[in-house]
């Protein structure tokens, strides 16, 4: 079992429709960090499929960057040569 902390549960995902109730809120649990993403309906799926940058933005918004805690784990301060 792995413990993977999140900074947020998810984010609102514009679906291209005018009605706010039609805008999906994608909430992510640990399954996404394991490579699985479940969506509630076709609108959310199409919004994510149509814009690959949205998925990256979503992951950046919920995740904690490795560089934020790498020094504690690896025993050094900062990232080596800006790698992280």
Protein backbone atom coordinates (compact mmCIF):
# COMPACT_ATOMS: atom_id res chain seq x y z
CA UNK A 1 0.00 0.00 0.00
CA UNK A 2 1.23 3.48 -0.80
CA UNK A 3 0.17 6.71 0.85
CA UNK A 4 0.00 9.53 -1.68
CA UNK A 5 -1.03 12.90 -0.26
CA UNK A 6 -3.04 15.39 -2.29
CA UNK A 7 -3.22 19.17 -2.06
CA UNK A 8 -6.81 19.21 -3.37
CA UNK A 9 -9.53 16.71 -4.19
CA UNK A 10 -9.99 17.85 -7.78
CA UNK A 11 -10.99 20.80 -9.93
CA UNK A 12 -13.86 22.15 -11.97
CA UNK A 13 -13.63 21.05 -15.55
CA UNK A 14 -15.21 23.29 -18.19
CA UNK A 15 -17.29 21.16 -20.52
CA UNK A 16 -17.96 23.90 -23.05
CA UNK A 17 -21.59 24.34 -22.03
CA UNK A 18 -23.08 27.56 -20.70
CA UNK A 19 -24.94 26.07 -17.74
CA UNK A 20 -22.78 25.94 -14.58
CA UNK A 21 -24.52 22.72 -13.53
CA UNK A 22 -23.21 21.15 -16.73
CA UNK A 23 -19.62 21.91 -15.77
CA UNK A 24 -18.06 18.80 -14.31
CA UNK A 25 -16.12 18.73 -11.12
CA UNK A 26 -13.52 16.03 -11.41
CA UNK A 27 -12.69 14.67 -7.96
CA UNK A 28 -9.71 12.36 -7.81
CA UNK A 29 -8.88 9.72 -5.26
CA UNK A 30 -5.84 7.47 -5.09
CA UNK A 31 -6.81 5.54 -8.21
CA UNK A 32 -5.66 8.36 -10.49
CA UNK A 33 -2.24 8.29 -8.91
CA UNK A 34 -2.14 4.62 -9.81
CA UNK A 35 -2.95 5.36 -13.43
CA UNK A 36 -6.75 5.12 -13.45
CA UNK A 37 -9.20 7.99 -13.86
CA UNK A 38 -12.95 7.51 -13.57
CA UNK A 39 -15.35 10.19 -14.80
CA UNK A 40 -19.05 10.53 -14.06
CA UNK A 41 -20.34 11.23 -17.53
CA UNK A 42 -19.54 11.62 -21.21
CA UNK A 43 -19.07 15.42 -20.95
CA UNK A 44 -16.20 15.08 -18.50
CA UNK A 45 -14.62 12.33 -20.59
CA UNK A 46 -14.81 14.39 -23.78
CA UNK A 47 -13.44 17.50 -22.03
CA UNK A 48 -10.42 15.54 -20.78
CA UNK A 49 -9.90 13.69 -24.05
CA UNK A 50 -10.18 16.84 -26.14
CA UNK A 51 -7.56 18.81 -24.22
CA UNK A 52 -4.55 16.86 -22.98
CA UNK A 53 -3.35 19.94 -21.12
CA UNK A 54 -6.36 19.71 -18.81
CA UNK A 55 -5.22 16.36 -17.47
CA UNK A 56 -1.76 17.74 -16.76
CA UNK A 57 -3.27 20.79 -15.08
CA UNK A 58 -5.51 18.55 -13.00
CA UNK A 59 -2.60 16.40 -11.84
CA UNK A 60 -0.46 19.48 -11.09
CA UNK A 61 -3.28 20.97 -9.06
CA UNK A 62 -3.92 17.95 -6.84
CA UNK A 63 -0.43 16.48 -6.53
CA UNK A 64 2.51 17.45 -4.41
CA UNK A 65 5.64 17.83 -6.57
CA UNK A 66 8.38 15.33 -5.82
CA UNK A 67 10.85 18.22 -5.53
CA UNK A 68 8.90 19.51 -2.51
CA UNK A 69 10.07 16.59 -0.35
CA UNK A 70 12.88 14.91 -2.32
CA UNK A 71 15.60 16.27 -0.05
CA UNK A 72 14.12 14.58 3.00
CA UNK A 73 13.88 11.27 1.18
CA UNK A 74 17.18 11.35 -0.69
CA UNK A 75 19.21 13.20 1.93
CA UNK A 76 20.13 16.33 -0.07
CA UNK A 77 18.82 19.84 -0.25
CA UNK A 78 17.34 21.15 -3.47
CA UNK A 79 17.22 19.34 -6.75
CA UNK A 80 20.38 18.12 -8.47
CA UNK A 81 21.10 20.31 -11.48
CA UNK A 82 17.46 21.45 -11.51
CA UNK A 83 16.34 17.93 -12.45
CA UNK A 84 13.18 17.92 -10.37
